[in-house]
Amino acid sequence: MRLVAATSIDLAQAVEAGKFHERLYHYLSEGRLDLPALREQPGNILPLAEYFVGIYSQRLNLPVQLLSDEAQHALQSHSWPGNTRELENVIHFALLVSSGEEILPEHLNLPQSTNPVAEVERLVGQILVDAKEEQLLAVKRLLERIQSKD
């Protein structure tokens, strides 16, 4: 018999607190596989999104739609607190509400960031991934200006 289990709870702490059976913990720990959160693996977002588009297009008997560049950007910019399950639900919803050949950002129904610091971090992170030398210099100058205000 094989058993696959997933949890976001630290089971070792739960055992110490008496909230999880120690023997079961040891059985489950033999084949432990730690998967990083989706936000820690941004390179997985678009391939997973495309996979879910294919799966749900087939299940819903819909033509396979493309993710617009703007939708791709929105997907990569989101923090994914709900991890892959949230991504799957977002894509499923987008296929239900879209009617064209492309999935657009408004079909994704993602919350808009209200945290300006998070938005700056996202943009700087994006620049660092795709940056040309002059963009990196501009970011460096901006950081120097910010540092000089302290």
N, C-alpha and C. Protein backbone atom coordinates (compact mmCIF):
# COMPACT_ATOMS: atom_id res chain seq x y z
N MET A 1 0.84 -1.17 0.00
CA MET A 1 0.00 0.00 0.00
C MET A 1 0.89 1.24 0.00
N ARG A 2 0.51 2.23 -0.78
CA ARG A 2 1.22 3.50 -0.81
C ARG A 2 0.29 4.59 -0.33
N LEU A 3 0.88 5.52 0.39
CA LEU A 3 0.11 6.64 0.92
C LEU A 3 0.85 7.92 0.59
N VAL A 4 0.15 8.86 0.02
CA VAL A 4 0.72 10.17 -0.24
C VAL A 4 -0.06 11.16 0.60
N ALA A 5 0.67 11.96 1.37
CA ALA A 5 0.03 12.94 2.24
C ALA A 5 0.73 14.28 2.08
N ALA A 6 -0.03 15.34 2.19
CA ALA A 6 0.53 16.69 2.10
C ALA A 6 -0.02 17.52 3.25
N THR A 7 0.84 18.36 3.79
CA THR A 7 0.41 19.24 4.87
C THR A 7 1.27 20.48 4.90
N SER A 8 0.72 21.54 5.42
CA SER A 8 1.49 22.76 5.64
C SER A 8 1.85 22.90 7.11
N ILE A 9 1.48 21.90 7.90
CA ILE A 9 1.74 21.90 9.34
C ILE A 9 3.09 21.26 9.60
N ASP A 10 3.85 21.79 10.54
CA ASP A 10 5.10 21.17 10.96
C ASP A 10 4.74 19.99 11.85
N LEU A 11 4.81 18.79 11.28
CA LEU A 11 4.37 17.61 12.02
C LEU A 11 5.27 17.29 13.21
N ALA A 12 6.56 17.60 13.12
CA ALA A 12 7.46 17.36 14.25
C ALA A 12 7.01 18.19 15.46
N GLN A 13 6.64 19.43 15.22
CA GLN A 13 6.14 20.27 16.32
C GLN A 13 4.80 19.75 16.83
N ALA A 14 3.97 19.26 15.91
CA ALA A 14 2.66 18.73 16.32
C ALA A 14 2.84 17.49 17.19
N VAL A 15 3.85 16.66 16.88
CA VAL A 15 4.13 15.49 17.71
C VAL A 15 4.58 15.93 19.09
N GLU A 16 5.50 16.91 19.15
CA GLU A 16 5.99 17.42 20.43
C GLU A 16 4.86 18.00 21.28
N ALA A 17 3.90 18.62 20.63
CA ALA A 17 2.78 19.23 21.35
C ALA A 17 1.70 18.21 21.68
N GLY A 18 1.90 16.95 21.25
CA GLY A 18 0.92 15.91 21.52
C GLY A 18 -0.31 15.98 20.64
N LYS A 19 -0.20 16.67 19.51
CA LYS A 19 -1.36 16.84 18.62
C LYS A 19 -1.30 15.93 17.39
N PHE A 20 -0.22 15.16 17.26
CA PHE A 20 -0.10 14.23 16.13
C PHE A 20 0.57 12.96 16.63
N HIS A 21 0.10 11.83 16.17
CA HIS A 21 0.58 10.53 16.64
C HIS A 21 2.02 10.31 16.18
N GLU A 22 2.92 10.05 17.14
CA GLU A 22 4.35 9.94 16.84
C GLU A 22 4.66 8.78 15.90
N ARG A 23 4.02 7.66 16.08
CA ARG A 23 4.29 6.49 15.23
C ARG A 23 3.90 6.78 13.78
N LEU A 24 2.76 7.41 13.59
CA LEU A 24 2.34 7.77 12.23
C LEU A 24 3.30 8.78 11.62
N TYR A 25 3.79 9.69 12.44
CA TYR A 25 4.77 10.68 11.97
C TYR A 25 6.00 9.97 11.41
N HIS A 26 6.51 8.96 12.11
CA HIS A 26 7.70 8.25 11.66
C HIS A 26 7.43 7.47 10.38
N TYR A 27 6.26 6.88 10.25
CA TYR A 27 5.91 6.19 9.01
C TYR A 27 5.89 7.17 7.83
N LEU A 28 5.27 8.30 8.06
CA LEU A 28 5.16 9.29 6.98
C LEU A 28 6.49 9.95 6.66
N SER A 29 7.38 10.05 7.62
CA SER A 29 8.64 10.75 7.42
C SER A 29 9.64 9.97 6.58
N GLU A 30 9.43 8.67 6.39
CA GLU A 30 10.38 7.86 5.64
C GLU A 30 10.60 8.37 4.22
N GLY A 31 9.57 8.75 3.56
CA GLY A 31 9.68 9.20 2.17
C GLY A 31 9.38 10.67 2.02
N ARG A 32 9.87 11.46 2.93
CA ARG A 32 9.55 12.89 2.96
C ARG A 32 10.07 13.61 1.72
N LEU A 33 9.23 14.45 1.18
CA LEU A 33 9.58 15.26 0.02
C LEU A 33 9.11 16.68 0.29
N ASP A 34 10.05 17.59 0.42
CA ASP A 34 9.70 18.99 0.66
C ASP A 34 9.59 19.71 -0.67
N LEU A 35 8.44 20.28 -0.92
CA LEU A 35 8.22 21.05 -2.14
C LEU A 35 8.17 22.53 -1.78
N PRO A 36 8.99 23.34 -2.44
CA PRO A 36 8.96 24.77 -2.13
C PRO A 36 7.64 25.40 -2.58
N ALA A 37 7.30 26.48 -1.93
CA ALA A 37 6.09 27.22 -2.30
C ALA A 37 6.24 27.76 -3.72
N LEU A 38 5.14 27.93 -4.39
CA LEU A 38 5.14 28.41 -5.77
C LEU A 38 5.82 29.77 -5.89
N ARG A 39 5.64 30.64 -4.91
CA ARG A 39 6.27 31.97 -4.95
C ARG A 39 7.79 31.87 -4.89
N GLU A 40 8.32 30.74 -4.38
CA GLU A 40 9.76 30.53 -4.32
C GLU A 40 10.29 29.91 -5.61
N GLN A 41 9.40 29.49 -6.48
CA GLN A 41 9.78 28.86 -7.75
C GLN A 41 9.03 29.55 -8.89
N PRO A 42 9.30 30.84 -9.13
CA PRO A 42 8.53 31.57 -10.14
C PRO A 42 8.64 30.99 -11.55
N GLY A 43 9.68 30.24 -11.81
CA GLY A 43 9.82 29.61 -13.12
C GLY A 43 8.79 28.52 -13.37
N ASN A 44 8.12 28.07 -12.33
CA ASN A 44 7.10 27.02 -12.47
C ASN A 44 5.70 27.58 -12.73
N ILE A 45 5.51 28.87 -12.53
CA ILE A 45 4.17 29.44 -12.61
C ILE A 45 3.56 29.27 -14.00
N LEU A 46 4.25 29.72 -15.03
CA LEU A 46 3.66 29.65 -16.38
C LEU A 46 3.52 28.22 -16.89
N PRO A 47 4.51 27.34 -16.71
CA PRO A 47 4.29 25.96 -17.15
C PRO A 47 3.10 25.30 -16.46
N LEU A 48 2.95 25.55 -15.16
CA LEU A 48 1.79 25.00 -14.45
C LEU A 48 0.49 25.62 -14.94
N ALA A 49 0.50 26.92 -15.18
CA ALA A 49 -0.70 27.59 -15.69
C ALA A 49 -1.10 27.00 -17.04
N GLU A 50 -0.14 26.80 -17.91
CA GLU A 50 -0.43 26.21 -19.23
C GLU A 50 -0.94 24.78 -19.09
N TYR A 51 -0.37 24.04 -18.15
CA TYR A 51 -0.84 22.69 -17.89
C TYR A 51 -2.31 22.71 -17.46
N PHE A 52 -2.64 23.61 -16.52
CA PHE A 52 -4.02 23.70 -16.04
C PHE A 52 -4.96 24.18 -17.15
N VAL A 53 -4.49 25.07 -18.02
CA VAL A 53 -5.31 25.49 -19.17
C VAL A 53 -5.65 24.27 -20.01
N GLY A 54 -4.66 23.42 -20.28
CA GLY A 54 -4.90 22.22 -21.08
C GLY A 54 -5.87 21.26 -20.41
N ILE A 55 -5.65 21.02 -19.13
CA ILE A 55 -6.51 20.08 -18.38
C ILE A 55 -7.95 20.57 -18.35
N TYR A 56 -8.15 21.83 -17.96
CA TYR A 56 -9.52 22.34 -17.80
C TYR A 56 -10.19 22.62 -19.14
N SER A 57 -9.42 22.93 -20.16
CA SER A 57 -10.01 23.07 -21.49
C SER A 57 -10.62 21.74 -21.92
N GLN A 58 -9.88 20.67 -21.66
CA GLN A 58 -10.37 19.33 -22.02
C GLN A 58 -11.59 18.96 -21.17
N ARG A 59 -11.52 19.19 -19.87
CA ARG A 59 -12.63 18.83 -18.99
C ARG A 59 -13.90 19.61 -19.31
N LEU A 60 -13.72 20.89 -19.69
CA LEU A 60 -14.87 21.74 -19.98
C LEU A 60 -15.27 21.69 -21.46
N ASN A 61 -14.55 20.89 -22.22
CA ASN A 61 -14.80 20.77 -23.66
C ASN A 61 -14.74 22.13 -24.35
N LEU A 62 -13.67 22.88 -24.04
CA LEU A 62 -13.44 24.20 -24.62
C LEU A 62 -12.17 24.17 -25.46
N PRO A 63 -12.07 25.06 -26.44
CA PRO A 63 -10.80 25.15 -27.17
C PRO A 63 -9.71 25.66 -26.22
N VAL A 64 -8.49 25.20 -26.44
CA VAL A 64 -7.37 25.63 -25.60
C VAL A 64 -7.06 27.09 -25.91
N GLN A 65 -7.10 27.92 -24.90
CA GLN A 65 -6.82 29.35 -25.06
C GLN A 65 -5.38 29.64 -24.67
N LEU A 66 -4.84 30.68 -25.24
CA LEU A 66 -3.51 31.13 -24.88
C LEU A 66 -3.60 32.13 -23.74
N LEU A 67 -2.55 32.20 -22.97
CA LEU A 67 -2.45 33.23 -21.93
C LEU A 67 -1.84 34.46 -22.57
N SER A 68 -2.55 35.58 -22.55
CA SER A 68 -2.00 36.81 -23.12
C SER A 68 -0.73 37.20 -22.36
N ASP A 69 0.10 38.03 -22.98
CA ASP A 69 1.32 38.49 -22.31
C ASP A 69 0.98 39.18 -20.99
N GLU A 70 -0.10 39.97 -21.00
CA GLU A 70 -0.51 40.67 -19.78
C GLU A 70 -0.97 39.70 -18.70
N ALA A 71 -1.67 38.65 -19.11
CA ALA A 71 -2.12 37.63 -18.14
C ALA A 71 -0.91 36.89 -17.57
N GLN A 72 0.06 36.59 -18.43
CA GLN A 72 1.28 35.93 -17.95
C GLN A 72 1.98 36.81 -16.92
N HIS A 73 2.06 38.09 -17.22
CA HIS A 73 2.69 39.03 -16.29
C HIS A 73 1.93 39.06 -14.96
N ALA A 74 0.61 39.09 -15.03
CA ALA A 74 -0.21 39.11 -13.81
C ALA A 74 0.01 37.83 -12.99
N LEU A 75 0.09 36.70 -13.67
CA LEU A 75 0.32 35.43 -12.97
C LEU A 75 1.67 35.43 -12.27
N GLN A 76 2.68 35.92 -12.96
CA GLN A 76 4.03 35.92 -12.39
C GLN A 76 4.19 36.96 -11.28
N SER A 77 3.34 37.97 -11.28
CA SER A 77 3.42 39.03 -10.28
C SER A 77 2.70 38.68 -8.98
N HIS A 78 1.80 37.73 -9.03
CA HIS A 78 0.99 37.38 -7.87
C HIS A 78 1.84 36.58 -6.86
N SER A 79 1.57 36.73 -5.58
CA SER A 79 2.38 36.07 -4.54
C SER A 79 1.98 34.62 -4.27
N TRP A 80 0.85 34.16 -4.72
CA TRP A 80 0.36 32.79 -4.61
C TRP A 80 0.36 32.25 -3.18
N PRO A 81 -0.36 32.92 -2.28
CA PRO A 81 -0.45 32.38 -0.92
C PRO A 81 -1.14 31.01 -0.87
N GLY A 82 -1.99 30.74 -1.85
CA GLY A 82 -2.68 29.45 -1.91
C GLY A 82 -1.94 28.41 -2.72
N ASN A 83 -0.72 28.74 -3.16
CA ASN A 83 0.16 27.83 -3.87
C ASN A 83 -0.48 27.29 -5.15
N THR A 84 -0.15 26.07 -5.55
CA THR A 84 -0.62 25.54 -6.83
C THR A 84 -2.14 25.36 -6.86
N ARG A 85 -2.73 25.10 -5.72
CA ARG A 85 -4.19 24.95 -5.68
C ARG A 85 -4.86 26.26 -6.07
N GLU A 86 -4.32 27.37 -5.60
CA GLU A 86 -4.85 28.68 -5.97
C GLU A 86 -4.66 28.94 -7.46
N LEU A 87 -3.48 28.61 -7.99
CA LEU A 87 -3.22 28.79 -9.42
C LEU A 87 -4.20 27.96 -10.25
N GLU A 88 -4.42 26.73 -9.85
CA GLU A 88 -5.36 25.87 -10.56
C GLU A 88 -6.76 26.48 -10.57
N ASN A 89 -7.22 26.98 -9.42
CA ASN A 89 -8.55 27.58 -9.34
C ASN A 89 -8.65 28.86 -10.17
N VAL A 90 -7.59 29.65 -10.19
CA VAL A 90 -7.57 30.89 -10.98
C VAL A 90 -7.71 30.56 -12.47
N ILE A 91 -6.97 29.56 -12.94
CA ILE A 91 -7.04 29.18 -14.35
C ILE A 91 -8.40 28.59 -14.68
N HIS A 92 -8.93 27.75 -13.81
CA HIS A 92 -10.26 27.17 -14.04
C HIS A 92 -11.30 28.29 -14.18
N PHE A 93 -11.28 29.24 -13.26
CA PHE A 93 -12.21 30.37 -13.31
C PHE A 93 -12.03 31.16 -14.60
N ALA A 94 -10.78 31.43 -14.98
CA ALA A 94 -10.51 32.21 -16.19
C ALA A 94 -11.10 31.54 -17.43
N LEU A 95 -11.00 30.24 -17.50
CA LEU A 95 -11.58 29.53 -18.65
C LEU A 95 -13.10 29.61 -18.65
N LEU A 96 -13.69 29.64 -17.48
CA LEU A 96 -15.15 29.72 -17.40
C LEU A 96 -15.68 31.09 -17.84
N VAL A 97 -14.92 32.16 -17.56
CA VAL A 97 -15.43 33.51 -17.85
C VAL A 97 -14.90 34.10 -19.15
N SER A 98 -13.86 33.54 -19.71
CA SER A 98 -13.32 34.10 -20.95
C SER A 98 -14.06 33.52 -22.14
N SER A 99 -14.09 34.30 -23.21
CA SER A 99 -14.81 33.81 -24.39
C SER A 99 -14.01 33.97 -25.67
N GLY A 100 -12.85 34.57 -25.59
CA GLY A 100 -12.04 34.79 -26.79
C GLY A 100 -11.00 33.70 -26.97
N GLU A 101 -9.97 34.06 -27.73
CA GLU A 101 -8.89 33.11 -27.99
C GLU A 101 -7.79 33.21 -26.94
N GLU A 102 -7.85 34.28 -26.13
CA GLU A 102 -6.82 34.50 -25.13
C GLU A 102 -7.44 34.71 -23.75
N ILE A 103 -6.69 34.30 -22.76
CA ILE A 103 -7.05 34.62 -21.38
C ILE A 103 -6.39 35.95 -21.05
N LEU A 104 -7.18 36.90 -20.60
CA LEU A 104 -6.70 38.24 -20.27
C LEU A 104 -6.61 38.41 -18.75
N PRO A 105 -5.88 39.42 -18.28
CA PRO A 105 -5.75 39.61 -16.82
C PRO A 105 -7.09 39.71 -16.09
N GLU A 106 -8.06 40.37 -16.72
CA GLU A 106 -9.36 40.52 -16.05
C GLU A 106 -10.08 39.18 -15.88
N HIS A 107 -9.74 38.18 -16.66
CA HIS A 107 -10.34 36.86 -16.51
C HIS A 107 -9.77 36.12 -15.30
N LEU A 108 -8.58 36.52 -14.86
CA LEU A 108 -7.90 35.82 -13.77
C LEU A 108 -8.49 36.14 -12.40
N ASN A 109 -9.12 37.31 -12.28
CA ASN A 109 -9.74 37.71 -11.02
C ASN A 109 -8.75 37.70 -9.85
N LEU A 110 -7.54 38.19 -10.12
CA LEU A 110 -6.53 38.28 -9.07
C LEU A 110 -6.67 39.60 -8.33
N PRO A 111 -6.43 39.60 -7.02
CA PRO A 111 -6.51 40.87 -6.28
C PRO A 111 -5.39 41.81 -6.70
N GLN A 112 -5.69 43.09 -6.71
CA GLN A 112 -4.68 44.10 -7.01
C GLN A 112 -3.86 44.36 -5.76
N SER A 113 -2.58 44.54 -5.93
CA SER A 113 -1.70 44.81 -4.80
C SER A 113 -2.00 46.20 -4.23
N THR A 114 -2.20 46.26 -2.93
CA THR A 114 -2.42 47.55 -2.27
C THR A 114 -1.20 47.96 -1.46
N ASN A 115 -0.16 47.14 -1.50
CA ASN A 115 1.05 47.41 -0.75
C ASN A 115 2.11 47.96 -1.70
N PRO A 116 2.42 49.26 -1.63
CA PRO A 116 3.38 49.84 -2.57
C PRO A 116 4.77 49.25 -2.44
N VAL A 117 5.18 48.87 -1.23
CA VAL A 117 6.51 48.27 -1.05
C VAL A 117 6.57 46.91 -1.76
N ALA A 118 5.51 46.13 -1.63
CA ALA A 118 5.46 44.84 -2.32
C ALA A 118 5.51 45.03 -3.83
N GLU A 119 4.83 46.05 -4.31
CA GLU A 119 4.84 46.34 -5.75
C GLU A 119 6.23 46.73 -6.22
N VAL A 120 6.94 47.54 -5.45
CA VAL A 120 8.31 47.93 -5.79
C VAL A 120 9.22 46.70 -5.78
N GLU A 121 9.06 45.85 -4.76
CA GLU A 121 9.87 44.63 -4.69
C GLU A 121 9.61 43.75 -5.90
N ARG A 122 8.35 43.64 -6.29
CA ARG A 122 8.01 42.83 -7.45
C ARG A 122 8.66 43.38 -8.71
N LEU A 123 8.57 44.69 -8.89
CA LEU A 123 9.13 45.32 -10.09
C LEU A 123 10.65 45.21 -10.12
N VAL A 124 11.30 45.43 -8.98
CA VAL A 124 12.76 45.29 -8.93
C VAL A 124 13.15 43.84 -9.21
N GLY A 125 12.42 42.90 -8.64
CA GLY A 125 12.70 41.49 -8.92
C GLY A 125 12.57 41.17 -10.39
N GLN A 126 11.57 41.74 -11.02
CA GLN A 126 11.37 41.53 -12.45
C GLN A 126 12.52 42.14 -13.26
N ILE A 127 12.95 43.33 -12.87
CA ILE A 127 14.06 43.98 -13.56
C ILE A 127 15.32 43.14 -13.42
N LEU A 128 15.56 42.61 -12.24
CA LEU A 128 16.77 41.82 -12.02
C LEU A 128 16.80 40.56 -12.88
N VAL A 129 15.65 40.00 -13.16
CA VAL A 129 15.59 38.80 -14.00
C VAL A 129 15.89 39.14 -15.45
N ASP A 130 15.30 40.20 -15.96
CA ASP A 130 15.39 40.54 -17.39
C ASP A 130 16.30 41.73 -17.67
N ALA A 131 17.09 42.14 -16.69
CA ALA A 131 17.75 43.44 -16.76
C ALA A 131 18.86 43.54 -17.80
N LYS A 132 18.89 44.72 -18.38
CA LYS A 132 20.02 45.14 -19.20
C LYS A 132 20.87 46.01 -18.29
N GLU A 133 22.11 46.23 -18.69
CA GLU A 133 23.05 46.94 -17.82
C GLU A 133 22.55 48.32 -17.41
N GLU A 134 21.95 49.06 -18.35
CA GLU A 134 21.48 50.41 -18.00
C GLU A 134 20.33 50.37 -17.00
N GLN A 135 19.50 49.32 -17.05
CA GLN A 135 18.42 49.19 -16.08
C GLN A 135 18.98 48.90 -14.68
N LEU A 136 20.00 48.05 -14.63
CA LEU A 136 20.63 47.75 -13.35
C LEU A 136 21.28 49.00 -12.75
N LEU A 137 21.91 49.79 -13.60
CA LEU A 137 22.52 51.04 -13.13
C LEU A 137 21.46 52.01 -12.60
N ALA A 138 20.31 52.06 -13.27
CA ALA A 138 19.22 52.93 -12.82
C ALA A 138 18.71 52.49 -11.45
N VAL A 139 18.57 51.18 -11.26
CA VAL A 139 18.13 50.66 -9.96
C VAL A 139 19.17 50.99 -8.89
N LYS A 140 20.45 50.82 -9.23
CA LYS A 140 21.52 51.13 -8.28
C LYS A 140 21.49 52.60 -7.88
N ARG A 141 21.30 53.50 -8.86
CA ARG A 141 21.23 54.93 -8.55
C ARG A 141 20.03 55.23 -7.65
N LEU A 142 18.90 54.60 -7.94
CA LEU A 142 17.71 54.80 -7.12
C LEU A 142 17.96 54.34 -5.68
N LEU A 143 18.58 53.19 -5.52
CA LEU A 143 18.88 52.70 -4.17
C LEU A 143 19.85 53.63 -3.45
N GLU A 144 20.82 54.18 -4.17
CA GLU A 144 21.75 55.12 -3.56
C GLU A 144 21.03 56.38 -3.10
N ARG A 145 20.06 56.86 -3.90
CA ARG A 145 19.26 58.03 -3.50
C ARG A 145 18.46 57.74 -2.24
N ILE A 146 17.88 56.56 -2.19
CA ILE A 146 17.09 56.17 -1.02
C ILE A 146 17.99 56.09 0.21
N GLN A 147 19.17 55.50 0.03
CA GLN A 147 20.10 55.34 1.15
C GLN A 147 20.59 56.69 1.66
N SER A 148 20.78 57.65 0.77
CA SER A 148 21.28 58.97 1.18
C SER A 148 20.24 59.75 1.97
N LYS A 149 18.97 59.38 1.90
CA LYS A 149 17.91 60.06 2.66
C LYS A 149 17.90 59.64 4.12
N ASP A 150 18.58 58.55 4.45
CA ASP A 150 18.60 58.05 5.84
C ASP A 150 19.44 58.88 6.74
